[in-house]
Amino acid sequence: MKKMSLKDELSATSYPGRGIVIGRSKDGKSAVTAYFIMGRSENSRNRVFVEDGEGIRTQAFDPSKLSDPSLIIYAPVRVLGNKTIVTNGDQTDTIYDLMDKQQTFEQALRTREFEPDAPNYTPRISGIMHIEEGKFNYAMSILKSNNGNPDSCNRYTFAYENPQAGEGRFIHTYMGDGNPLPSFEGEPVCVDIDGDIDTFAKLVWENLDEDNKVSLFVRYIDIETGKYESRIINKNK
């Protein structure tokens, strides 16, 4: 698979929806993840990311304007031992709880499917990063309706062992804007990972559509030590 420019992939559409990038820094020292959310409605745009323990959660920027919390308020990032879970919904908790009971990433996601937001049936996208004894691997998943038919759930998992330096994978919920919104298709896109955490966060944030972007989370985890640093950027301040 040809490596694409993350900058170009991000700026190619006004509405990729919610997105996850996971990969390895160019110097090979850090496991990298980014998670962003976008919104078209007032309810979706009325959000910020806040720290929550070792992870983050979404919360309403203006609680008085929150109309339906069911699919927009959740914990996108949680940490279970040496595993970091990143998702676009409350399946973060499902993965955390069931992996804590010795089930696998795939087994946990077998209990879930796409979101019940007809007619879009937004895919559930998930990622898990595993760092142990100086080694790093990760997996990504998408649960989606069968070409917009909610009678069937199509489940795809992609696993990446010994990720190469300067390379990552990018998956997002929608191929672009539309009504209904078209679900992501194909494998997670192979993209370049470059720069330190601030350079990388700036690149992602500045190339998301100005009108639709809402929040961004970025984390760099030292593969040797497991120590991490994070950045949160919220449009609402």
C-alpha atoms as a PDB file:
ATOM      1  CA  MET A   1       0.000   0.000   0.000  1.00  0.00           C
ATOM      2  CA  LYS A   2       1.349   3.392  -0.988  1.00  0.00           C
ATOM      3  CA  LYS A   3       2.076   5.747   1.896  1.00  0.00           C
ATOM      4  CA  MET A   4      -0.090   8.855   1.612  1.00  0.00           C
ATOM      5  CA  SER A   5       0.388  12.341   2.996  1.00  0.00           C
ATOM      6  CA  LEU A   6      -1.647  12.675   6.205  1.00  0.00           C
ATOM      7  CA  LYS A   7      -1.976  16.384   5.473  1.00  0.00           C
ATOM      8  CA  ASP A   8      -3.526  15.633   2.069  1.00  0.00           C
ATOM      9  CA  GLU A   9      -5.817  12.926   3.451  1.00  0.00           C
ATOM     10  CA  LEU A  10      -7.147  15.235   6.174  1.00  0.00           C
ATOM     11  CA  SER A  11      -7.747  18.163   3.854  1.00  0.00           C
ATOM     12  CA  ALA A  12      -9.262  16.086   1.045  1.00  0.00           C
ATOM     13  CA  THR A  13     -12.798  16.227   2.459  1.00  0.00           C
ATOM     14  CA  SER A  14     -14.784  18.715   4.497  1.00  0.00           C
ATOM     15  CA  TYR A  15     -16.317  16.013   6.655  1.00  0.00           C
ATOM     16  CA  PRO A  16     -14.382  12.817   7.471  1.00  0.00           C
ATOM     17  CA  GLY A  17     -16.407  12.704  10.713  1.00  0.00           C
ATOM     18  CA  ARG A  18     -14.396  11.180  13.541  1.00  0.00           C
ATOM     19  CA  GLY A  19     -10.923   9.837  12.898  1.00  0.00           C
ATOM     20  CA  ILE A  20      -8.169   7.743  14.474  1.00  0.00           C
ATOM     21  CA  VAL A  21      -4.506   7.771  13.492  1.00  0.00           C
ATOM     22  CA  ILE A  22      -2.094   5.240  15.037  1.00  0.00           C
ATOM     23  CA  GLY A  23       1.537   4.702  14.115  1.00  0.00           C
ATOM     24  CA  ARG A  24       5.166   5.179  15.046  1.00  0.00           C
ATOM     25  CA  SER A  25       7.104   8.427  15.174  1.00  0.00           C
ATOM     26  CA  LYS A  26       9.737   9.120  12.539  1.00  0.00           C
ATOM     27  CA  ASP A  27      12.568   8.644  15.061  1.00  0.00           C
ATOM     28  CA  GLY A  28      11.103   5.251  15.991  1.00  0.00           C
ATOM     29  CA  LYS A  29      10.971   6.062  19.682  1.00  0.00           C
ATOM     30  CA  SER A  30       7.267   6.784  20.194  1.00  0.00           C
ATOM     31  CA  ALA A  31       3.936   5.115  19.622  1.00  0.00           C
ATOM     32  CA  VAL A  32       1.640   7.808  18.266  1.00  0.00           C
ATOM     33  CA  THR A  33      -2.110   8.241  18.244  1.00  0.00           C
ATOM     34  CA  ALA A  34      -4.475  11.030  17.298  1.00  0.00           C
ATOM     35  CA  TYR A  35      -8.245  11.142  17.670  1.00  0.00           C
ATOM     36  CA  PHE A  36     -10.434  13.949  16.339  1.00  0.00           C
ATOM     37  CA  ILE A  37     -14.125  14.746  16.266  1.00  0.00           C
ATOM     38  CA  MET A  38     -16.065  16.964  13.900  1.00  0.00           C
ATOM     39  CA  GLY A  39     -19.655  18.166  13.903  1.00  0.00           C
ATOM     40  CA  ARG A  40     -22.324  19.572  11.597  1.00  0.00           C
ATOM     41  CA  SER A  41     -25.133  20.062  14.126  1.00  0.00           C
ATOM     42  CA  GLU A  42     -25.140  22.453  17.090  1.00  0.00           C
ATOM     43  CA  ASN A  43     -25.321  19.446  19.433  1.00  0.00           C
ATOM     44  CA  SER A  44     -22.234  17.816  17.894  1.00  0.00           C
ATOM     45  CA  ARG A  45     -20.268  21.056  17.826  1.00  0.00           C
ATOM     46  CA  ASN A  46     -21.077  21.799  21.470  1.00  0.00           C
ATOM     47  CA  ARG A  47     -18.267  19.584  22.801  1.00  0.00           C
ATOM     48  CA  VAL A  48     -14.770  19.655  24.228  1.00  0.00           C
ATOM     49  CA  PHE A  49     -12.218  17.028  25.218  1.00  0.00           C
ATOM     50  CA  VAL A  50     -11.134  16.973  28.863  1.00  0.00           C
ATOM     51  CA  GLU A  51      -8.643  14.795  30.699  1.00  0.00           C
ATOM     52  CA  ASP A  52     -10.095  11.871  32.642  1.00  0.00           C
ATOM     53  CA  GLY A  53      -7.484   9.870  34.543  1.00  0.00           C
ATOM     54  CA  GLU A  54      -5.037   8.464  31.993  1.00  0.00           C
ATOM     55  CA  GLY A  55      -7.576   8.987  29.221  1.00  0.00           C
ATOM     56  CA  ILE A  56     -10.032  11.624  28.062  1.00  0.00           C
ATOM     57  CA  ARG A  57     -13.780  12.130  27.805  1.00  0.00           C
ATOM     58  CA  THR A  58     -16.068  14.415  25.872  1.00  0.00           C
ATOM     59  CA  GLN A  59     -18.271  16.883  27.662  1.00  0.00           C
ATOM     60  CA  ALA A  60     -20.684  19.626  26.653  1.00  0.00           C
ATOM     61  CA  PHE A  61     -19.032  23.021  26.254  1.00  0.00           C
ATOM     62  CA  ASP A  62     -22.357  24.704  27.089  1.00  0.00           C
ATOM     63  CA  PRO A  63     -24.481  22.240  29.133  1.00  0.00           C
ATOM     64  CA  SER A  64     -27.614  24.312  28.516  1.00  0.00           C
ATOM     65  CA  LYS A  65     -27.394  23.529  24.787  1.00  0.00           C
ATOM     66  CA  LEU A  66     -26.924  19.753  25.160  1.00  0.00           C
ATOM     67  CA  SER A  67     -29.956  18.100  23.537  1.00  0.00           C
ATOM     68  CA  ASP A  68     -29.007  14.421  23.172  1.00  0.00           C
ATOM     69  CA  PRO A  69     -25.928  13.039  24.955  1.00  0.00           C
ATOM     70  CA  SER A  70     -26.387   9.416  23.849  1.00  0.00           C
ATOM     71  CA  LEU A  71     -23.880   9.284  20.982  1.00  0.00           C
ATOM     72  CA  ILE A  72     -21.716  12.323  21.625  1.00  0.00           C
ATOM     73  CA  ILE A  73     -20.734  12.060  25.308  1.00  0.00           C
ATOM     74  CA  TYR A  74     -18.299   9.203  25.956  1.00  0.00           C
ATOM     75  CA  ALA A  75     -14.691   8.355  26.846  1.00  0.00           C
ATOM     76  CA  PRO A  76     -12.709   8.125  23.580  1.00  0.00           C
ATOM     77  CA  VAL A  77      -9.447   7.121  25.277  1.00  0.00           C
ATOM     78  CA  ARG A  78      -8.817   4.767  28.222  1.00  0.00           C
ATOM     79  CA  VAL A  79      -5.699   2.959  29.423  1.00  0.00           C
ATOM     80  CA  LEU A  80      -5.724  -0.659  30.615  1.00  0.00           C
ATOM     81  CA  GLY A  81      -2.277  -1.580  31.883  1.00  0.00           C
ATOM     82  CA  ASN A  82       0.065  -1.462  28.886  1.00  0.00           C
ATOM     83  CA  LYS A  83      -2.810  -1.033  26.419  1.00  0.00           C
ATOM     84  CA  THR A  84      -4.248   2.256  25.187  1.00  0.00           C
ATOM     85  CA  ILE A  85      -7.782   2.093  23.764  1.00  0.00           C
ATOM     86  CA  VAL A  86      -9.022   4.758  21.323  1.00  0.00           C
ATOM     87  CA  THR A  87     -12.536   4.733  19.864  1.00  0.00           C
ATOM     88  CA  ASN A  88     -15.310   6.972  18.577  1.00  0.00           C
ATOM     89  CA  GLY A  89     -17.963   5.885  21.085  1.00  0.00           C
ATOM     90  CA  ASP A  90     -18.854   4.143  24.294  1.00  0.00           C
ATOM     91  CA  GLN A  91     -17.357   0.927  22.909  1.00  0.00           C
ATOM     92  CA  THR A  92     -14.196   2.198  24.627  1.00  0.00           C
ATOM     93  CA  ASP A  93     -15.786   1.015  27.858  1.00  0.00           C
ATOM     94  CA  THR A  94     -16.844  -2.293  26.297  1.00  0.00           C
ATOM     95  CA  ILE A  95     -13.292  -3.012  25.147  1.00  0.00           C
ATOM     96  CA  TYR A  96     -11.836  -1.959  28.505  1.00  0.00           C
ATOM     97  CA  ASP A  97     -14.268  -4.048  30.565  1.00  0.00           C
ATOM     98  CA  LEU A  98     -14.082  -7.224  28.489  1.00  0.00           C
ATOM     99  CA  MET A  99     -10.313  -7.135  27.940  1.00  0.00           C
ATOM    100  CA  ASP A 100     -10.004  -6.701  31.696  1.00  0.00           C
ATOM    101  CA  LYS A 101     -11.841 -10.061  31.840  1.00  0.00           C
ATOM    102  CA  GLN A 102      -9.270 -11.634  29.473  1.00  0.00           C
ATOM    103  CA  GLN A 103     -11.290 -11.340  26.284  1.00  0.00           C
ATOM    104  CA  THR A 104      -9.612 -10.109  23.101  1.00  0.00           C
ATOM    105  CA  PHE A 105     -10.110  -6.826  21.266  1.00  0.00           C
ATOM    106  CA  GLU A 106     -12.117  -8.641  18.581  1.00  0.00           C
ATOM    107  CA  GLN A 107     -14.192 -10.613  21.086  1.00  0.00           C
ATOM    108  CA  ALA A 108     -15.132  -7.419  22.904  1.00  0.00           C
ATOM    109  CA  LEU A 109     -16.238  -5.745  19.683  1.00  0.00           C
ATOM    110  CA  ARG A 110     -18.341  -8.776  18.726  1.00  0.00           C
ATOM    111  CA  THR A 111     -20.807  -7.518  21.343  1.00  0.00           C
ATOM    112  CA  ARG A 112     -21.256  -4.188  19.534  1.00  0.00           C
ATOM    113  CA  GLU A 113     -22.250  -2.913  16.102  1.00  0.00           C
ATOM    114  CA  PHE A 114     -22.561   0.390  14.220  1.00  0.00           C
ATOM    115  CA  GLU A 115     -24.372   3.328  15.821  1.00  0.00           C
ATOM    116  CA  PRO A 116     -28.211   3.385  15.679  1.00  0.00           C
ATOM    117  CA  ASP A 117     -28.353   6.828  14.052  1.00  0.00           C
ATOM    118  CA  ALA A 118     -30.444   6.134  10.930  1.00  0.00           C
ATOM    119  CA  PRO A 119     -30.016   6.846   8.070  1.00  0.00           C
ATOM    120  CA  ASN A 120     -26.229   7.279   8.579  1.00  0.00           C
ATOM    121  CA  TYR A 121     -25.589   4.202  10.755  1.00  0.00           C
ATOM    122  CA  THR A 122     -22.253   5.724  11.717  1.00  0.00           C
ATOM    123  CA  PRO A 123     -19.471   3.113  11.851  1.00  0.00           C
ATOM    124  CA  ARG A 124     -17.816   2.385  15.171  1.00  0.00           C
ATOM    125  CA  ILE A 125     -14.071   2.774  14.693  1.00  0.00           C
ATOM    126  CA  SER A 126     -11.661   1.526  17.353  1.00  0.00           C
ATOM    127  CA  GLY A 127      -7.944   1.158  17.918  1.00  0.00           C
ATOM    128  CA  ILE A 128      -5.765  -0.502  20.540  1.00  0.00           C
ATOM    129  CA  MET A 129      -2.057   0.081  21.143  1.00  0.00           C
ATOM    130  CA  HIS A 130       0.019  -2.492  23.026  1.00  0.00           C
ATOM    131  CA  ILE A 131       3.459  -1.631  24.384  1.00  0.00           C
ATOM    132  CA  GLU A 132       5.476  -4.216  26.304  1.00  0.00           C
ATOM    133  CA  GLU A 133       9.193  -4.814  26.867  1.00  0.00           C
ATOM    134  CA  GLY A 134      10.209  -2.235  24.291  1.00  0.00           C
ATOM    135  CA  LYS A 135       7.886  -3.611  21.615  1.00  0.00           C
ATOM    136  CA  PHE A 136       4.853  -1.932  20.057  1.00  0.00           C
ATOM    137  CA  ASN A 137       1.959  -3.263  18.018  1.00  0.00           C
ATOM    138  CA  TYR A 138      -1.563  -2.102  17.362  1.00  0.00           C
ATOM    139  CA  ALA A 139      -4.881  -3.039  15.817  1.00  0.00           C
ATOM    140  CA  MET A 140      -7.783  -1.113  14.323  1.00  0.00           C
ATOM    141  CA  SER A 141     -11.406  -2.078  13.789  1.00  0.00           C
ATOM    142  CA  ILE A 142     -14.462  -0.811  11.979  1.00  0.00           C
ATOM    143  CA  LEU A 143     -18.040  -2.029  12.489  1.00  0.00           C
ATOM    144  CA  LYS A 144     -20.333  -0.782   9.722  1.00  0.00           C
ATOM    145  CA  SER A 145     -23.711  -1.398   8.153  1.00  0.00           C
ATOM    146  CA  ASN A 146     -23.855  -3.362   4.922  1.00  0.00           C
ATOM    147  CA  ASN A 147     -23.918  -0.485   2.415  1.00  0.00           C
ATOM    148  CA  GLY A 148     -26.434   1.362   4.554  1.00  0.00           C
ATOM    149  CA  ASN A 149     -28.559  -1.713   5.306  1.00  0.00           C
ATOM    150  CA  PRO A 150     -28.837  -2.032   9.107  1.00  0.00           C
ATOM    151  CA  ASP A 151     -29.903  -5.684   8.918  1.00  0.00           C
ATOM    152  CA  SER A 152     -26.246  -6.685   8.534  1.00  0.00           C
ATOM    153  CA  CYS A 153     -23.127  -5.620  10.425  1.00  0.00           C
ATOM    154  CA  ASN A 154     -19.812  -5.926   8.594  1.00  0.00           C
ATOM    155  CA  ARG A 155     -16.819  -6.337  10.936  1.00  0.00           C
ATOM    156  CA  TYR A 156     -13.213  -5.677   9.950  1.00  0.00           C
ATOM    157  CA  THR A 157     -10.064  -5.855  12.089  1.00  0.00           C
ATOM    158  CA  PHE A 158      -6.580  -4.852  10.934  1.00  0.00           C
ATOM    159  CA  ALA A 159      -3.515  -5.763  13.012  1.00  0.00           C
ATOM    160  CA  TYR A 160      -0.064  -4.224  12.669  1.00  0.00           C
ATOM    161  CA  GLU A 161       3.021  -5.852  14.206  1.00  0.00           C
ATOM    162  CA  ASN A 162       6.326  -4.005  14.603  1.00  0.00           C
ATOM    163  CA  PRO A 163       5.108  -0.770  12.960  1.00  0.00           C
ATOM    164  CA  GLN A 164       7.737   0.997  10.901  1.00  0.00           C
ATOM    165  CA  ALA A 165       9.127   4.377  11.927  1.00  0.00           C
ATOM    166  CA  GLY A 166       7.398   7.349  10.324  1.00  0.00           C
ATOM    167  CA  GLU A 167       4.368   5.311   9.283  1.00  0.00           C
ATOM    168  CA  GLY A 168       0.824   5.002  10.570  1.00  0.00           C
ATOM    169  CA  ARG A 169      -2.714   4.099   9.626  1.00  0.00           C
ATOM    170  CA  PHE A 170      -5.691   6.458   9.407  1.00  0.00           C
ATOM    171  CA  ILE A 171      -9.326   5.409   9.647  1.00  0.00           C
ATOM    172  CA  HIS A 172     -12.368   7.675   9.832  1.00  0.00           C
ATOM    173  CA  THR A 173     -16.119   7.285   9.947  1.00  0.00           C
ATOM    174  CA  TYR A 174     -17.187   8.880   6.661  1.00  0.00           C
ATOM    175  CA  MET A 175     -15.787   9.053   3.152  1.00  0.00           C
ATOM    176  CA  GLY A 176     -17.007  12.650   2.981  1.00  0.00           C
ATOM    177  CA  ASP A 177     -20.068  14.829   3.411  1.00  0.00           C
ATOM    178  CA  GLY A 178     -23.438  13.660   2.159  1.00  0.00           C
ATOM    179  CA  ASN A 179     -26.974  12.719   3.150  1.00  0.00           C
ATOM    180  CA  PRO A 180     -26.911  10.028   4.302  1.00  0.00           C
ATOM    181  CA  LEU A 181     -23.230  10.177   5.206  1.00  0.00           C
ATOM    182  CA  PRO A 182     -21.235   7.514   3.302  1.00  0.00           C
ATOM    183  CA  SER A 183     -19.350   5.095   5.576  1.00  0.00           C
ATOM    184  CA  PHE A 184     -15.579   4.685   5.365  1.00  0.00           C
ATOM    185  CA  GLU A 185     -14.464   2.079   2.805  1.00  0.00           C
ATOM    186  CA  GLY A 186     -11.417  -0.157   2.529  1.00  0.00           C
ATOM    187  CA  GLU A 187      -8.317  -0.592   4.680  1.00  0.00           C
ATOM    188  CA  PRO A 188      -7.072   2.121   7.020  1.00  0.00           C
ATOM    189  CA  VAL A 189      -4.981   4.455   4.880  1.00  0.00           C
ATOM    190  CA  CYS A 190      -1.182   4.218   5.214  1.00  0.00           C
ATOM    191  CA  VAL A 191       0.031   7.723   6.129  1.00  0.00           C
ATOM    192  CA  ASP A 192       3.226   9.486   7.125  1.00  0.00           C
ATOM    193  CA  ILE A 193       3.929  10.321  10.788  1.00  0.00           C
ATOM    194  CA  ASP A 194       6.380  13.181  11.180  1.00  0.00           C
ATOM    195  CA  GLY A 195       7.645  15.615  13.780  1.00  0.00           C
ATOM    196  CA  ASP A 196       7.375  15.872  17.546  1.00  0.00           C
ATOM    197  CA  ILE A 197       4.032  15.892  19.342  1.00  0.00           C
ATOM    198  CA  ASP A 198       3.389  19.609  18.868  1.00  0.00           C
ATOM    199  CA  THR A 199       4.323  19.576  15.190  1.00  0.00           C
ATOM    200  CA  PHE A 200       2.140  16.542  14.583  1.00  0.00           C
ATOM    201  CA  ALA A 201      -0.836  17.950  16.520  1.00  0.00           C
ATOM    202  CA  LYS A 202      -0.577  21.222  14.601  1.00  0.00           C
ATOM    203  CA  LEU A 203      -0.523  19.410  11.262  1.00  0.00           C
ATOM    204  CA  VAL A 204      -3.655  17.411  12.094  1.00  0.00           C
ATOM    205  CA  TRP A 205      -5.594  20.352  13.528  1.00  0.00           C
ATOM    206  CA  GLU A 206      -4.737  22.825  10.781  1.00  0.00           C
ATOM    207  CA  ASN A 207      -5.775  20.438   8.010  1.00  0.00           C
ATOM    208  CA  LEU A 208      -9.223  19.602   9.377  1.00  0.00           C
ATOM    209  CA  ASP A 209     -12.082  21.635   7.910  1.00  0.00           C
ATOM    210  CA  GLU A 210     -12.293  24.916   9.814  1.00  0.00           C
ATOM    211  CA  ASP A 211     -16.098  24.984  10.024  1.00  0.00           C
ATOM    212  CA  ASN A 212     -16.595  21.368  11.091  1.00  0.00           C
ATOM    213  CA  LYS A 213     -13.651  20.521  13.373  1.00  0.00           C
ATOM    214  CA  VAL A 214     -14.432  20.338  17.096  1.00  0.00           C
ATOM    215  CA  SER A 215     -11.636  18.692  19.140  1.00  0.00           C
ATOM    216  CA  LEU A 216      -8.338  16.844  18.795  1.00  0.00           C
ATOM    217  CA  PHE A 217      -6.363  14.567  21.125  1.00  0.00           C
ATOM    218  CA  VAL A 218      -2.775  13.483  20.433  1.00  0.00           C
ATOM    219  CA  ARG A 219      -0.561  11.183  22.515  1.00  0.00           C
ATOM    220  CA  TYR A 220       3.089  10.129  22.107  1.00  0.00           C
ATOM    221  CA  ILE A 221       4.091   7.093  24.211  1.00  0.00           C
ATOM    222  CA  ASP A 222       7.773   6.274  24.748  1.00  0.00           C
ATOM    223  CA  ILE A 223       8.105   2.654  23.603  1.00  0.00           C
ATOM    224  CA  GLU A 224      11.029   1.913  25.940  1.00  0.00           C
ATOM    225  CA  THR A 225       9.568   3.374  29.144  1.00  0.00           C
ATOM    226  CA  GLY A 226       5.808   3.571  28.564  1.00  0.00           C
ATOM    227  CA  LYS A 227       5.774   7.211  29.642  1.00  0.00           C
ATOM    228  CA  TYR A 228       3.538   9.460  27.581  1.00  0.00           C
ATOM    229  CA  GLU A 229       2.713  13.058  26.835  1.00  0.00           C
ATOM    230  CA  SER A 230      -0.573  14.311  25.444  1.00  0.00           C
ATOM    231  CA  ARG A 231      -2.108  17.348  23.785  1.00  0.00           C
ATOM    232  CA  ILE A 232      -5.741  18.445  23.619  1.00  0.00           C
ATOM    233  CA  ILE A 233      -6.982  21.137  21.237  1.00  0.00           C
ATOM    234  CA  ASN A 234     -10.598  22.325  21.485  1.00  0.00           C
ATOM    235  CA  LYS A 235     -12.253  24.769  19.103  1.00  0.00           C
ATOM    236  CA  ASN A 236     -14.569  25.843  21.919  1.00  0.00           C
ATOM    237  CA  LYS A 237     -12.597  27.743  24.563  1.00  0.00           C
END
